[in-house]
């Protein structure tokens, strides 16, 4: 796994568990429709998998 992934928050974190909110905050996603570019690491992939229903991922 090398390179970068582009992650966009498409659904709100309101009403979600504290651990999901922590994952989103850890990735830098604080508002809807915000996009961040992150390194493609196993740790980031795990965070994305946890909140996959809230985000859109582009390679």
PDB file of N, CA and C in Angstrom:
ATOM      1  N   UNK A   1       0.843  -1.184   0.000  1.00  0.00           N
ATOM      2  CA  UNK A   1       0.000   0.000   0.000  1.00  0.00           C
ATOM      3  C   UNK A   1       0.884   1.242   0.000  1.00  0.00           C
ATOM      4  N   UNK A   2       0.870   1.928  -1.090  1.00  0.00           N
ATOM      5  CA  UNK A   2       1.623   3.168  -1.149  1.00  0.00           C
ATOM      6  C   UNK A   2       0.774   4.200  -1.863  1.00  0.00           C
ATOM      7  N   UNK A   3       1.126   5.429  -1.712  1.00  0.00           N
ATOM      8  CA  UNK A   3       0.380   6.490  -2.351  1.00  0.00           C
ATOM      9  C   UNK A   3      -0.537   7.199  -1.391  1.00  0.00           C
ATOM     10  N   UNK A   4      -1.603   7.733  -1.953  1.00  0.00           N
ATOM     11  CA  UNK A   4      -2.521   8.543  -1.162  1.00  0.00           C
ATOM     12  C   UNK A   4      -3.960   8.178  -1.482  1.00  0.00           C
ATOM     13  N   UNK A   5      -4.838   8.441  -0.549  1.00  0.00           N
ATOM     14  CA  UNK A   5      -6.271   8.267  -0.762  1.00  0.00           C
ATOM     15  C   UNK A   5      -6.959   9.589  -0.448  1.00  0.00           C
ATOM     16  N   UNK A   6      -7.994   9.853  -1.208  1.00  0.00           N
ATOM     17  CA  UNK A   6      -8.789  11.065  -1.035  1.00  0.00           C
ATOM     18  C   UNK A   6     -10.087  10.651  -0.357  1.00  0.00           C
ATOM     19  N   UNK A   7     -10.355  11.189   0.827  1.00  0.00           N
ATOM     20  CA  UNK A   7     -11.509  10.800   1.622  1.00  0.00           C
ATOM     21  C   UNK A   7     -12.418  12.012   1.796  1.00  0.00           C
ATOM     22  N   UNK A   8     -13.719  11.830   1.499  1.00  0.00           N
ATOM     23  CA  UNK A   8     -14.703  12.894   1.622  1.00  0.00           C
ATOM     24  C   UNK A   8     -15.801  12.444   2.575  1.00  0.00           C
ATOM     25  N   UNK A   9     -16.143  13.294   3.542  1.00  0.00           N
ATOM     26  CA  UNK A   9     -17.231  13.006   4.469  1.00  0.00           C
ATOM     27  C   UNK A   9     -18.548  13.325   3.773  1.00  0.00           C
ATOM     28  N   UNK A  10     -19.423  12.316   3.605  1.00  0.00           N
ATOM     29  CA  UNK A  10     -20.673  12.541   2.889  1.00  0.00           C
ATOM     30  C   UNK A  10     -21.893  12.518   3.798  1.00  0.00           C
ATOM     31  N   UNK A  11     -21.759  11.946   5.002  1.00  0.00           N
ATOM     32  CA  UNK A  11     -22.866  11.940   5.957  1.00  0.00           C
ATOM     33  C   UNK A  11     -22.372  12.496   7.273  1.00  0.00           C
ATOM     34  N   UNK A  12     -23.272  13.074   8.040  1.00  0.00           N
ATOM     35  CA  UNK A  12     -22.927  13.709   9.302  1.00  0.00           C
ATOM     36  C   UNK A  12     -22.552  12.688  10.366  1.00  0.00           C
ATOM     37  N   UNK A  13     -21.746  13.123  11.319  1.00  0.00           N
ATOM     38  CA  UNK A  13     -21.349  12.277  12.437  1.00  0.00           C
ATOM     39  C   UNK A  13     -22.312  12.397  13.622  1.00  0.00           C
ATOM     40  N   UNK A  14     -23.319  13.240  13.507  1.00  0.00           N
ATOM     41  CA  UNK A  14     -24.271  13.454  14.601  1.00  0.00           C
ATOM     42  C   UNK A  14     -25.026  12.163  14.879  1.00  0.00           C
ATOM     43  N   UNK A  15     -25.063  11.774  16.141  1.00  0.00           N
ATOM     44  CA  UNK A  15     -25.767  10.580  16.543  1.00  0.00           C
ATOM     45  C   UNK A  15     -24.951   9.305  16.444  1.00  0.00           C
ATOM     46  N   UNK A  16     -23.726   9.417  15.987  1.00  0.00           N
ATOM     47  CA  UNK A  16     -22.854   8.241  15.876  1.00  0.00           C
ATOM     48  C   UNK A  16     -22.083   8.051  17.175  1.00  0.00           C
ATOM     49  N   UNK A  17     -21.474   6.888  17.340  1.00  0.00           N
ATOM     50  CA  UNK A  17     -20.747   6.580  18.570  1.00  0.00           C
ATOM     51  C   UNK A  17     -19.487   7.437  18.689  1.00  0.00           C
ATOM     52  N   UNK A  18     -18.983   7.502  19.909  1.00  0.00           N
ATOM     53  CA  UNK A  18     -17.789   8.295  20.187  1.00  0.00           C
ATOM     54  C   UNK A  18     -16.578   7.773  19.410  1.00  0.00           C
ATOM     55  N   UNK A  19     -16.489   6.466  19.223  1.00  0.00           N
ATOM     56  CA  UNK A  19     -15.341   5.911  18.498  1.00  0.00           C
ATOM     57  C   UNK A  19     -15.382   6.283  17.016  1.00  0.00           C
ATOM     58  N   UNK A  20     -16.574   6.345  16.433  1.00  0.00           N
ATOM     59  CA  UNK A  20     -16.683   6.768  15.031  1.00  0.00           C
ATOM     60  C   UNK A  20     -16.310   8.230  14.890  1.00  0.00           C
ATOM     61  N   UNK A  21     -16.784   9.053  15.830  1.00  0.00           N
ATOM     62  CA  UNK A  21     -16.425  10.471  15.791  1.00  0.00           C
ATOM     63  C   UNK A  21     -14.923  10.649  15.946  1.00  0.00           C
ATOM     64  N   UNK A  22     -14.307   9.823  16.785  1.00  0.00           N
ATOM     65  CA  UNK A  22     -12.862   9.891  16.964  1.00  0.00           C
ATOM     66  C   UNK A  22     -12.105   9.536  15.701  1.00  0.00           C
ATOM     67  N   UNK A  23     -12.588   8.540  14.971  1.00  0.00           N
ATOM     68  CA  UNK A  23     -11.956   8.167  13.696  1.00  0.00           C
ATOM     69  C   UNK A  23     -12.045   9.306  12.693  1.00  0.00           C
ATOM     70  N   UNK A  24     -13.216   9.919  12.603  1.00  0.00           N
ATOM     71  CA  UNK A  24     -13.384  11.028  11.662  1.00  0.00           C
ATOM     72  C   UNK A  24     -12.497  12.205  12.042  1.00  0.00           C
ATOM     73  N   UNK A  25     -12.442  12.511  13.323  1.00  0.00           N
ATOM     74  CA  UNK A  25     -11.603  13.609  13.780  1.00  0.00           C
ATOM     75  C   UNK A  25     -10.131  13.302  13.540  1.00  0.00           C
ATOM     76  N   UNK A  26      -9.743  12.056  13.765  1.00  0.00           N
ATOM     77  CA  UNK A  26      -8.360  11.647  13.531  1.00  0.00           C
ATOM     78  C   UNK A  26      -7.944  11.774  12.077  1.00  0.00           C
ATOM     79  N   UNK A  27      -8.912  11.604  11.173  1.00  0.00           N
ATOM     80  CA  UNK A  27      -8.610  11.763   9.743  1.00  0.00           C
ATOM     81  C   UNK A  27      -8.733  13.216   9.307  1.00  0.00           C
ATOM     82  N   UNK A  28      -9.217  14.089  10.189  1.00  0.00           N
ATOM     83  CA  UNK A  28      -9.342  15.506   9.845  1.00  0.00           C
ATOM     84  C   UNK A  28     -10.665  15.866   9.207  1.00  0.00           C
ATOM     85  N   UNK A  29     -11.658  14.991   9.318  1.00  0.00           N
ATOM     86  CA  UNK A  29     -12.963  15.249   8.726  1.00  0.00           C
ATOM     87  C   UNK A  29     -13.888  15.819   9.795  1.00  0.00           C
ATOM     88  N   UNK A  30     -14.120  17.125   9.734  1.00  0.00           N
ATOM     89  CA  UNK A  30     -14.912  17.794  10.761  1.00  0.00           C
ATOM     90  C   UNK A  30     -16.267  18.267  10.262  1.00  0.00           C
ATOM     91  N   UNK A  31     -16.415  18.485   8.970  1.00  0.00           N
ATOM     92  CA  UNK A  31     -17.668  18.982   8.405  1.00  0.00           C
ATOM     93  C   UNK A  31     -18.060  18.150   7.196  1.00  0.00           C
ATOM     94  N   UNK A  32     -19.342  18.132   6.888  1.00  0.00           N
ATOM     95  CA  UNK A  32     -19.818  17.429   5.692  1.00  0.00           C
ATOM     96  C   UNK A  32     -19.187  18.038   4.453  1.00  0.00           C
ATOM     97  N   UNK A  33     -18.961  17.174   3.470  1.00  0.00           N
ATOM     98  CA  UNK A  33     -18.383  17.541   2.172  1.00  0.00           C
ATOM     99  C   UNK A  33     -16.934  18.009   2.265  1.00  0.00           C
ATOM    100  N   UNK A  34     -16.292  17.840   3.412  1.00  0.00           N
ATOM    101  CA  UNK A  34     -14.875  18.174   3.518  1.00  0.00           C
ATOM    102  C   UNK A  34     -14.064  17.012   2.954  1.00  0.00           C
ATOM    103  N   UNK A  35     -13.017  17.330   2.221  1.00  0.00           N
ATOM    104  CA  UNK A  35     -12.169  16.331   1.596  1.00  0.00           C
ATOM    105  C   UNK A  35     -10.749  16.488   2.115  1.00  0.00           C
ATOM    106  N   UNK A  36     -10.132  15.360   2.451  1.00  0.00           N
ATOM    107  CA  UNK A  36      -8.734  15.352   2.878  1.00  0.00           C
ATOM    108  C   UNK A  36      -7.981  14.295   2.071  1.00  0.00           C
ATOM    109  N   UNK A  37      -6.697  14.531   1.886  1.00  0.00           N
ATOM    110  CA  UNK A  37      -5.831  13.574   1.212  1.00  0.00           C
ATOM    111  C   UNK A  37      -4.907  12.992   2.276  1.00  0.00           C
ATOM    112  N   UNK A  38      -4.948  11.671   2.423  1.00  0.00           N
ATOM    113  CA  UNK A  38      -4.185  10.988   3.460  1.00  0.00           C
ATOM    114  C   UNK A  38      -3.264   9.946   2.846  1.00  0.00           C
ATOM    115  N   UNK A  39      -2.186   9.621   3.568  1.00  0.00           N
ATOM    116  CA  UNK A  39      -1.300   8.546   3.128  1.00  0.00           C
ATOM    117  C   UNK A  39      -2.050   7.233   3.247  1.00  0.00           C
ATOM    118  N   UNK A  40      -1.809   6.355   2.294  1.00  0.00           N
ATOM    119  CA  UNK A  40      -2.478   5.054   2.267  1.00  0.00           C
ATOM    120  C   UNK A  40      -1.712   4.069   3.148  1.00  0.00           C
ATOM    121  N   UNK A  41      -2.066   4.028   4.441  1.00  0.00           N
ATOM    122  CA  UNK A  41      -1.422   3.135   5.393  1.00  0.00           C
ATOM    123  C   UNK A  41      -2.463   2.172   5.961  1.00  0.00           C
ATOM    124  N   UNK A  42      -2.040   1.077   6.558  1.00  0.00           N
ATOM    125  CA  UNK A  42      -3.009   0.158   7.170  1.00  0.00           C
ATOM    126  C   UNK A  42      -3.841   0.814   8.276  1.00  0.00           C
ATOM    127  N   UNK A  43      -3.242   1.741   9.011  1.00  0.00           N
ATOM    128  CA  UNK A  43      -3.969   2.425  10.076  1.00  0.00           C
ATOM    129  C   UNK A  43      -5.103   3.270   9.513  1.00  0.00           C
ATOM    130  N   UNK A  44      -4.819   4.011   8.453  1.00  0.00           N
ATOM    131  CA  UNK A  44      -5.839   4.853   7.814  1.00  0.00           C
ATOM    132  C   UNK A  44      -6.916   3.972   7.184  1.00  0.00           C
ATOM    133  N   UNK A  45      -6.518   2.864   6.564  1.00  0.00           N
ATOM    134  CA  UNK A  45      -7.499   1.942   5.973  1.00  0.00           C
ATOM    135  C   UNK A  45      -8.448   1.393   7.036  1.00  0.00           C
ATOM    136  N   UNK A  46      -7.929   1.095   8.223  1.00  0.00           N
ATOM    137  CA  UNK A  46      -8.773   0.617   9.312  1.00  0.00           C
ATOM    138  C   UNK A  46      -9.774   1.666   9.750  1.00  0.00           C
ATOM    139  N   UNK A  47      -9.334   2.923   9.815  1.00  0.00           N
ATOM    140  CA  UNK A  47     -10.245   4.011  10.177  1.00  0.00           C
ATOM    141  C   UNK A  47     -11.325   4.178   9.109  1.00  0.00           C
ATOM    142  N   UNK A  48     -10.923   4.060   7.848  1.00  0.00           N
ATOM    143  CA  UNK A  48     -11.890   4.191   6.752  1.00  0.00           C
ATOM    144  C   UNK A  48     -12.905   3.057   6.809  1.00  0.00           C
ATOM    145  N   UNK A  49     -12.453   1.835   7.086  1.00  0.00           N
ATOM    146  CA  UNK A  49     -13.377   0.706   7.176  1.00  0.00           C
ATOM    147  C   UNK A  49     -14.395   0.891   8.289  1.00  0.00           C
ATOM    148  N   UNK A  50     -13.985   1.485   9.388  1.00  0.00           N
ATOM    149  CA  UNK A  50     -14.882   1.679  10.522  1.00  0.00           C
ATOM    150  C   UNK A  50     -16.014   2.644  10.186  1.00  0.00           C
ATOM    151  N   UNK A  51     -15.731   3.663   9.376  1.00  0.00           N
ATOM    152  CA  UNK A  51     -16.739   4.679   9.046  1.00  0.00           C
ATOM    153  C   UNK A  51     -17.057   4.669   7.550  1.00  0.00           C
ATOM    154  N   UNK A  52     -16.964   3.506   6.921  1.00  0.00           N
ATOM    155  CA  UNK A  52     -17.130   3.419   5.463  1.00  0.00           C
ATOM    156  C   UNK A  52     -18.500   3.883   4.992  1.00  0.00           C
ATOM    157  N   UNK A  53     -19.524   3.781   5.846  1.00  0.00           N
ATOM    158  CA  UNK A  53     -20.868   4.206   5.457  1.00  0.00           C
ATOM    159  C   UNK A  53     -21.032   5.720   5.533  1.00  0.00           C
ATOM    160  N   UNK A  54     -20.035   6.431   6.055  1.00  0.00           N
ATOM    161  CA  UNK A  54     -20.111   7.887   6.175  1.00  0.00           C
ATOM    162  C   UNK A  54     -19.212   8.615   5.194  1.00  0.00           C
ATOM    163  N   UNK A  55     -18.296   7.904   4.543  1.00  0.00           N
ATOM    164  CA  UNK A  55     -17.300   8.556   3.701  1.00  0.00           C
ATOM    165  C   UNK A  55     -17.284   7.997   2.292  1.00  0.00           C
ATOM    166  N   UNK A  56     -16.698   8.773   1.379  1.00  0.00           N
ATOM    167  CA  UNK A  56     -16.442   8.336   0.003  1.00  0.00           C
ATOM    168  C   UNK A  56     -14.933   8.342  -0.171  1.00  0.00           C
ATOM    169  N   UNK A  57     -14.392   7.258  -0.739  1.00  0.00           N
ATOM    170  CA  UNK A  57     -12.939   7.109  -0.877  1.00  0.00           C
ATOM    171  C   UNK A  57     -12.586   7.020  -2.342  1.00  0.00           C
ATOM    172  N   UNK A  58     -11.564   7.790  -2.734  1.00  0.00           N
ATOM    173  CA  UNK A  58     -11.033   7.744  -4.097  1.00  0.00           C
ATOM    174  C   UNK A  58      -9.548   7.415  -4.006  1.00  0.00           C
ATOM    175  N   UNK A  59      -9.100   6.513  -4.855  1.00  0.00           N
ATOM    176  CA  UNK A  59      -7.682   6.108  -4.834  1.00  0.00           C
ATOM    177  C   UNK A  59      -6.815   7.204  -5.419  1.00  0.00           C
TER     178      UNK A  59
END
